């Protein structure tokens, strides 16, 4: 069941742990699912020796997808009208990610109630790794 506009207020928040101890296997599985086989995400030797990173790291879109799950779990499937994100920091194997979504506005668009939402994902150190915004259609 989707959220009802009458039950929401600006400032309402939702939080969820997206992944606890992200594995290299999860990163490689995402590469297969997305078709993004950039060696920065799967080839330790390339990532460290050629590119100079401390390790392979997760695709930004993997982080965005996991964060999007918080939104759809909260507002309901098929309700997002818009979702955009900015990748702020790399996500590494072993990271634990927690996302927070907050209602920043409630409005009407084309006669239907809409919630505007800001979202932020942090790693276990409290560092922001993703920021974003979304809009979702609500039930009246």
N, C-alpha and C. Protein backbone atom coordinates (compact mmCIF):
# COMPACT_ATOMS: atom_id res chain seq x y z
N UNK A 1 0.84 -1.18 0.00
CA UNK A 1 0.00 0.00 0.00
C UNK A 1 0.88 1.24 0.00
N UNK A 2 0.57 2.19 -0.84
CA UNK A 2 1.35 3.41 -0.96
C UNK A 2 1.02 4.39 0.18
N UNK A 3 1.89 5.34 0.35
CA UNK A 3 1.67 6.35 1.38
C UNK A 3 0.51 7.25 1.02
N UNK A 4 -0.20 7.68 2.03
CA UNK A 4 -1.28 8.64 1.84
C UNK A 4 -0.76 10.02 2.20
N UNK A 5 -1.10 10.98 1.36
CA UNK A 5 -0.67 12.36 1.57
C UNK A 5 -1.11 12.88 2.93
N UNK A 6 -2.30 12.48 3.36
CA UNK A 6 -2.84 12.97 4.62
C UNK A 6 -2.05 12.46 5.83
N UNK A 7 -1.22 11.46 5.64
CA UNK A 7 -0.45 10.89 6.76
C UNK A 7 1.00 11.36 6.77
N UNK A 8 1.35 12.28 5.88
CA UNK A 8 2.73 12.77 5.79
C UNK A 8 2.82 14.22 6.15
N UNK A 9 4.02 14.60 6.61
CA UNK A 9 4.32 16.00 6.90
C UNK A 9 5.75 16.28 6.47
N UNK A 10 6.00 17.52 6.13
CA UNK A 10 7.38 17.92 5.82
C UNK A 10 8.23 17.61 7.05
N UNK A 11 9.36 16.99 6.80
CA UNK A 11 10.25 16.60 7.89
C UNK A 11 10.17 15.13 8.26
N UNK A 12 9.12 14.44 7.81
CA UNK A 12 9.04 12.99 8.06
C UNK A 12 10.24 12.32 7.42
N UNK A 13 10.78 11.31 8.13
CA UNK A 13 12.01 10.65 7.67
C UNK A 13 11.86 9.14 7.69
N UNK A 14 12.64 8.52 6.85
CA UNK A 14 12.75 7.07 6.80
C UNK A 14 14.24 6.74 6.69
N UNK A 15 14.68 5.70 7.38
CA UNK A 15 16.08 5.31 7.34
C UNK A 15 16.18 3.80 7.24
N UNK A 16 17.21 3.32 6.53
CA UNK A 16 17.42 1.88 6.40
C UNK A 16 18.88 1.59 6.12
N UNK A 17 19.35 0.49 6.68
CA UNK A 17 20.67 -0.03 6.30
C UNK A 17 20.48 -0.72 4.96
N UNK A 18 21.22 -0.28 3.96
CA UNK A 18 21.10 -0.82 2.61
C UNK A 18 21.92 -2.07 2.42
N UNK A 19 23.11 -2.06 2.98
CA UNK A 19 24.00 -3.21 2.88
C UNK A 19 24.95 -3.17 4.07
N UNK A 20 25.18 -4.32 4.64
CA UNK A 20 26.12 -4.45 5.75
C UNK A 20 27.29 -5.28 5.23
N UNK A 21 28.46 -4.65 5.11
CA UNK A 21 29.66 -5.34 4.63
C UNK A 21 29.53 -5.70 3.15
N UNK A 22 29.49 -4.70 2.29
CA UNK A 22 29.40 -4.90 0.84
C UNK A 22 30.54 -5.81 0.38
N UNK A 23 30.20 -6.82 -0.38
CA UNK A 23 31.21 -7.79 -0.82
C UNK A 23 31.64 -7.51 -2.26
N UNK A 24 32.82 -7.99 -2.59
CA UNK A 24 33.30 -7.93 -3.97
C UNK A 24 32.36 -8.72 -4.88
N UNK A 25 31.83 -9.81 -4.37
CA UNK A 25 30.90 -10.61 -5.16
C UNK A 25 29.68 -9.79 -5.53
N UNK A 26 29.14 -9.01 -4.61
CA UNK A 26 27.99 -8.16 -4.92
C UNK A 26 28.34 -7.14 -5.99
N UNK A 27 29.54 -6.59 -5.92
CA UNK A 27 29.98 -5.61 -6.92
C UNK A 27 30.08 -6.27 -8.30
N UNK A 28 30.67 -7.46 -8.35
CA UNK A 28 30.80 -8.18 -9.63
C UNK A 28 29.43 -8.61 -10.15
N UNK A 29 28.54 -9.02 -9.25
CA UNK A 29 27.18 -9.38 -9.68
C UNK A 29 26.49 -8.18 -10.31
N UNK A 30 26.70 -7.00 -9.73
CA UNK A 30 26.10 -5.80 -10.32
C UNK A 30 26.70 -5.53 -11.70
N UNK A 31 28.00 -5.74 -11.86
CA UNK A 31 28.63 -5.56 -13.18
C UNK A 31 27.92 -6.45 -14.20
N UNK A 32 27.66 -7.69 -13.83
CA UNK A 32 26.97 -8.60 -14.74
C UNK A 32 25.56 -8.16 -15.04
N UNK A 33 24.86 -7.70 -14.04
CA UNK A 33 23.46 -7.28 -14.23
C UNK A 33 23.37 -6.00 -15.06
N UNK A 34 24.34 -5.11 -14.89
CA UNK A 34 24.29 -3.81 -15.57
C UNK A 34 25.01 -3.82 -16.91
N UNK A 35 25.92 -4.77 -17.09
CA UNK A 35 26.74 -4.77 -18.30
C UNK A 35 27.92 -3.82 -18.22
N UNK A 36 28.16 -3.24 -17.05
CA UNK A 36 29.27 -2.30 -16.85
C UNK A 36 30.47 -3.08 -16.30
N UNK A 37 31.36 -3.47 -17.20
CA UNK A 37 32.51 -4.29 -16.83
C UNK A 37 33.79 -3.47 -16.70
N UNK A 38 33.67 -2.21 -16.34
CA UNK A 38 34.86 -1.38 -16.14
C UNK A 38 35.76 -2.08 -15.13
N UNK A 39 37.03 -2.29 -15.45
CA UNK A 39 37.91 -3.03 -14.54
C UNK A 39 38.14 -2.34 -13.19
N UNK A 40 37.80 -1.08 -13.06
CA UNK A 40 37.91 -0.42 -11.75
C UNK A 40 37.03 -1.08 -10.71
N UNK A 41 36.00 -1.78 -11.18
CA UNK A 41 35.04 -2.40 -10.27
C UNK A 41 35.29 -3.89 -10.02
N UNK A 42 36.17 -4.50 -10.81
CA UNK A 42 36.31 -5.96 -10.68
C UNK A 42 37.75 -6.48 -10.75
N UNK A 43 38.68 -5.69 -11.22
CA UNK A 43 40.06 -6.14 -11.41
C UNK A 43 40.96 -5.45 -10.41
N UNK A 44 41.30 -6.15 -9.35
CA UNK A 44 42.11 -5.57 -8.26
C UNK A 44 43.44 -5.04 -8.77
N UNK A 45 44.11 -5.79 -9.63
CA UNK A 45 45.42 -5.36 -10.14
C UNK A 45 45.27 -4.08 -10.96
N UNK A 46 44.26 -4.03 -11.83
CA UNK A 46 44.04 -2.82 -12.61
C UNK A 46 43.73 -1.64 -11.69
N UNK A 47 42.81 -1.83 -10.75
CA UNK A 47 42.38 -0.74 -9.86
C UNK A 47 43.55 -0.20 -9.04
N UNK A 48 44.42 -1.09 -8.55
CA UNK A 48 45.50 -0.64 -7.67
C UNK A 48 46.77 -0.25 -8.41
N UNK A 49 47.22 -1.10 -9.31
CA UNK A 49 48.52 -0.86 -9.96
C UNK A 49 48.43 0.12 -11.13
N UNK A 50 47.36 0.03 -11.90
CA UNK A 50 47.24 0.89 -13.08
C UNK A 50 46.56 2.22 -12.73
N UNK A 51 45.43 2.15 -12.04
CA UNK A 51 44.65 3.36 -11.76
C UNK A 51 45.03 4.05 -10.45
N UNK A 52 45.73 3.34 -9.56
CA UNK A 52 46.20 3.97 -8.32
C UNK A 52 45.20 4.04 -7.18
N UNK A 53 44.13 3.29 -7.26
CA UNK A 53 43.16 3.26 -6.16
C UNK A 53 43.59 2.22 -5.13
N UNK A 54 43.09 2.32 -3.91
CA UNK A 54 43.46 1.32 -2.90
C UNK A 54 42.82 -0.05 -3.13
N UNK A 55 41.79 -0.11 -3.95
CA UNK A 55 41.07 -1.36 -4.20
C UNK A 55 40.08 -1.12 -5.32
N UNK A 56 39.37 -2.17 -5.71
CA UNK A 56 38.21 -1.98 -6.57
C UNK A 56 37.15 -1.24 -5.76
N UNK A 57 36.17 -0.66 -6.45
CA UNK A 57 35.10 0.03 -5.74
C UNK A 57 33.79 -0.18 -6.47
N UNK A 58 32.70 0.07 -5.77
CA UNK A 58 31.36 -0.18 -6.30
C UNK A 58 31.00 0.83 -7.38
N UNK A 59 30.16 0.40 -8.30
CA UNK A 59 29.58 1.29 -9.30
C UNK A 59 28.71 2.32 -8.59
N UNK A 60 28.75 3.56 -9.04
CA UNK A 60 27.86 4.57 -8.48
C UNK A 60 26.40 4.17 -8.62
N UNK A 61 26.07 3.56 -9.74
CA UNK A 61 24.68 3.17 -9.97
C UNK A 61 24.24 2.03 -9.05
N UNK A 62 25.18 1.24 -8.54
CA UNK A 62 24.82 0.23 -7.54
C UNK A 62 24.37 0.93 -6.27
N UNK A 63 25.12 1.93 -5.85
CA UNK A 63 24.75 2.70 -4.67
C UNK A 63 23.41 3.40 -4.89
N UNK A 64 23.23 3.97 -6.08
CA UNK A 64 21.97 4.66 -6.37
C UNK A 64 20.80 3.68 -6.36
N UNK A 65 21.01 2.50 -6.92
CA UNK A 65 19.95 1.50 -6.93
C UNK A 65 19.56 1.03 -5.54
N UNK A 66 20.57 0.79 -4.70
CA UNK A 66 20.28 0.36 -3.33
C UNK A 66 19.54 1.47 -2.58
N UNK A 67 19.95 2.72 -2.82
CA UNK A 67 19.28 3.85 -2.17
C UNK A 67 17.85 3.98 -2.67
N UNK A 68 17.64 3.74 -3.95
CA UNK A 68 16.30 3.79 -4.52
C UNK A 68 15.35 2.79 -3.88
N UNK A 69 15.91 1.68 -3.42
CA UNK A 69 15.07 0.68 -2.74
C UNK A 69 14.46 1.27 -1.47
N UNK A 70 15.20 2.11 -0.74
CA UNK A 70 14.63 2.78 0.43
C UNK A 70 13.42 3.61 0.01
N UNK A 71 13.54 4.32 -1.10
CA UNK A 71 12.43 5.16 -1.56
C UNK A 71 11.22 4.33 -1.94
N UNK A 72 11.41 3.28 -2.73
CA UNK A 72 10.25 2.49 -3.16
C UNK A 72 9.66 1.68 -2.01
N UNK A 73 10.49 1.27 -1.07
CA UNK A 73 9.95 0.59 0.11
C UNK A 73 9.05 1.54 0.91
N UNK A 74 9.38 2.83 0.89
CA UNK A 74 8.63 3.81 1.67
C UNK A 74 7.37 4.28 0.94
N UNK A 75 7.52 4.68 -0.33
CA UNK A 75 6.38 5.28 -1.03
C UNK A 75 5.59 4.28 -1.86
N UNK A 76 6.16 3.12 -2.14
CA UNK A 76 5.47 2.10 -2.93
C UNK A 76 6.05 1.97 -4.33
N UNK A 77 5.93 0.78 -4.87
CA UNK A 77 6.42 0.51 -6.22
C UNK A 77 5.62 1.32 -7.24
N UNK A 78 6.31 1.78 -8.27
CA UNK A 78 5.66 2.50 -9.35
C UNK A 78 5.22 3.91 -8.99
N UNK A 79 5.68 4.42 -7.87
CA UNK A 79 5.24 5.74 -7.41
C UNK A 79 6.25 6.86 -7.69
N UNK A 80 7.49 6.51 -7.94
CA UNK A 80 8.50 7.55 -8.17
C UNK A 80 8.24 8.23 -9.51
N UNK A 81 8.20 9.54 -9.47
CA UNK A 81 8.05 10.34 -10.68
C UNK A 81 9.42 10.81 -11.18
N UNK A 82 10.34 10.96 -10.25
CA UNK A 82 11.67 11.46 -10.56
C UNK A 82 12.61 11.01 -9.46
N UNK A 83 13.84 10.67 -9.85
CA UNK A 83 14.87 10.29 -8.88
C UNK A 83 16.21 10.59 -9.51
N UNK A 84 16.98 11.42 -8.85
CA UNK A 84 18.31 11.77 -9.33
C UNK A 84 19.28 11.79 -8.18
N UNK A 85 20.54 11.51 -8.47
CA UNK A 85 21.54 11.44 -7.41
C UNK A 85 22.88 11.95 -7.87
N UNK A 86 23.68 12.32 -6.90
CA UNK A 86 25.07 12.73 -7.12
C UNK A 86 25.95 11.79 -6.31
N UNK A 87 26.95 11.22 -6.96
CA UNK A 87 27.89 10.32 -6.29
C UNK A 87 28.97 11.18 -5.66
N UNK A 88 29.07 11.15 -4.34
CA UNK A 88 29.95 12.05 -3.60
C UNK A 88 31.30 11.40 -3.29
N UNK A 89 31.27 10.13 -2.89
CA UNK A 89 32.49 9.40 -2.54
C UNK A 89 32.37 7.97 -3.02
N UNK A 90 33.53 7.35 -3.20
CA UNK A 90 33.52 5.94 -3.60
C UNK A 90 33.02 5.05 -2.47
N UNK A 91 32.44 3.94 -2.88
CA UNK A 91 31.97 2.91 -1.96
C UNK A 91 32.87 1.70 -2.16
N UNK A 92 33.45 1.22 -1.07
CA UNK A 92 34.48 0.18 -1.11
C UNK A 92 33.94 -1.15 -0.60
N UNK A 93 34.56 -2.24 -1.02
CA UNK A 93 34.22 -3.52 -0.42
C UNK A 93 34.36 -3.41 1.11
N UNK A 94 33.41 -3.98 1.82
CA UNK A 94 33.42 -3.92 3.28
C UNK A 94 32.59 -2.79 3.84
N UNK A 95 32.20 -1.84 3.00
CA UNK A 95 31.40 -0.71 3.50
C UNK A 95 30.00 -1.17 3.92
N UNK A 96 29.49 -0.48 4.93
CA UNK A 96 28.10 -0.60 5.33
C UNK A 96 27.44 0.72 4.98
N UNK A 97 26.33 0.65 4.26
CA UNK A 97 25.66 1.86 3.79
C UNK A 97 24.29 2.00 4.44
N UNK A 98 24.03 3.22 4.91
CA UNK A 98 22.74 3.56 5.51
C UNK A 98 22.19 4.77 4.78
N UNK A 99 20.94 4.67 4.36
CA UNK A 99 20.30 5.78 3.64
C UNK A 99 19.20 6.39 4.49
N UNK A 100 19.02 7.69 4.31
CA UNK A 100 17.96 8.44 4.97
C UNK A 100 17.21 9.23 3.91
N UNK A 101 15.90 9.16 3.97
CA UNK A 101 15.04 9.95 3.08
C UNK A 101 14.19 10.86 3.95
N UNK A 102 13.99 12.10 3.49
CA UNK A 102 13.21 13.07 4.24
C UNK A 102 12.27 13.82 3.31
N UNK A 103 11.02 13.96 3.74
CA UNK A 103 10.05 14.74 2.98
C UNK A 103 10.42 16.21 3.10
N UNK A 104 10.65 16.86 1.94
CA UNK A 104 11.00 18.28 1.94
C UNK A 104 9.85 19.15 1.46
N UNK A 105 8.85 18.54 0.85
CA UNK A 105 7.71 19.30 0.38
C UNK A 105 6.56 18.39 0.01
N UNK A 106 5.36 18.92 0.18
CA UNK A 106 4.14 18.23 -0.24
C UNK A 106 3.38 19.20 -1.13
N UNK A 107 2.95 18.72 -2.30
CA UNK A 107 2.31 19.60 -3.27
C UNK A 107 1.34 18.80 -4.13
N UNK A 108 0.68 19.52 -4.98
CA UNK A 108 -0.22 18.89 -5.93
C UNK A 108 0.35 19.12 -7.33
N UNK A 109 0.34 18.08 -8.15
CA UNK A 109 0.78 18.19 -9.54
C UNK A 109 -0.23 17.45 -10.40
N UNK A 110 -0.83 18.17 -11.34
CA UNK A 110 -1.85 17.58 -12.21
C UNK A 110 -2.98 16.93 -11.39
N UNK A 111 -3.31 17.57 -10.28
CA UNK A 111 -4.42 17.10 -9.46
C UNK A 111 -4.10 15.93 -8.54
N UNK A 112 -2.83 15.52 -8.50
CA UNK A 112 -2.48 14.40 -7.60
C UNK A 112 -1.47 14.88 -6.56
N UNK A 113 -1.55 14.32 -5.34
CA UNK A 113 -0.59 14.69 -4.31
C UNK A 113 0.79 14.11 -4.62
N UNK A 114 1.80 14.94 -4.38
CA UNK A 114 3.19 14.56 -4.65
C UNK A 114 4.05 14.94 -3.46
N UNK A 115 4.96 14.06 -3.11
CA UNK A 115 5.95 14.35 -2.07
C UNK A 115 7.29 14.58 -2.74
N UNK A 116 7.97 15.63 -2.32
CA UNK A 116 9.36 15.86 -2.72
C UNK A 116 10.24 15.36 -1.59
N UNK A 117 11.28 14.65 -1.95
CA UNK A 117 12.10 13.92 -0.97
C UNK A 117 13.57 14.18 -1.23
N UNK A 118 14.31 14.41 -0.16
CA UNK A 118 15.78 14.42 -0.31
C UNK A 118 16.30 13.13 0.29
N UNK A 119 17.36 12.63 -0.28
CA UNK A 119 17.92 11.36 0.16
C UNK A 119 19.43 11.51 0.31
N UNK A 120 19.96 10.77 1.26
CA UNK A 120 21.40 10.81 1.55
C UNK A 120 21.82 9.42 1.99
N UNK A 121 22.95 8.97 1.48
CA UNK A 121 23.48 7.67 1.88
C UNK A 121 24.85 7.89 2.48
N UNK A 122 25.09 7.26 3.62
CA UNK A 122 26.37 7.39 4.33
C UNK A 122 27.00 6.02 4.52
N UNK A 123 28.33 6.02 4.63
CA UNK A 123 29.03 4.78 4.95
C UNK A 123 29.18 4.65 6.46
N UNK A 124 29.84 3.58 6.89
CA UNK A 124 29.98 3.30 8.31
C UNK A 124 30.79 4.35 9.06
N UNK A 125 31.53 5.17 8.35
CA UNK A 125 32.30 6.26 8.98
C UNK A 125 31.46 7.53 9.12
N UNK A 126 30.24 7.50 8.57
CA UNK A 126 29.40 8.69 8.59
C UNK A 126 29.63 9.60 7.40
N UNK A 127 30.50 9.19 6.47
CA UNK A 127 30.77 10.00 5.28
C UNK A 127 29.62 9.86 4.29
N UNK A 128 29.19 10.98 3.74
CA UNK A 128 28.16 10.96 2.70
C UNK A 128 28.77 10.40 1.42
N UNK A 129 28.14 9.38 0.86
CA UNK A 129 28.62 8.79 -0.40
C UNK A 129 27.67 9.12 -1.55
N UNK A 130 26.42 9.50 -1.25
CA UNK A 130 25.44 9.84 -2.28
C UNK A 130 24.44 10.84 -1.72
N UNK A 131 24.08 11.81 -2.52
CA UNK A 131 22.98 12.72 -2.19
C UNK A 131 22.02 12.71 -3.37
N UNK A 132 20.76 12.98 -3.11
CA UNK A 132 19.83 12.99 -4.21
C UNK A 132 18.48 13.56 -3.82
N UNK A 133 17.62 13.61 -4.83
CA UNK A 133 16.26 14.06 -4.64
C UNK A 133 15.32 13.15 -5.43
N UNK A 134 14.09 13.13 -5.00
CA UNK A 134 13.07 12.35 -5.69
C UNK A 134 11.73 13.02 -5.48
N UNK A 135 10.80 12.66 -6.35
CA UNK A 135 9.40 13.05 -6.20
C UNK A 135 8.58 11.80 -6.38
N UNK A 136 7.54 11.69 -5.57
CA UNK A 136 6.72 10.48 -5.61
C UNK A 136 5.24 10.83 -5.57
N UNK A 137 4.47 10.11 -6.35
CA UNK A 137 3.02 10.24 -6.35
C UNK A 137 2.48 9.55 -5.11
N UNK A 138 1.53 10.20 -4.45
CA UNK A 138 0.93 9.65 -3.23
C UNK A 138 -0.55 9.37 -3.44
N UNK A 139 -1.09 8.56 -2.57
CA UNK A 139 -2.54 8.41 -2.53
C UNK A 139 -3.12 9.63 -1.83
N UNK A 140 -4.33 10.04 -2.20
CA UNK A 140 -4.93 11.21 -1.53
C UNK A 140 -5.20 10.95 -0.05
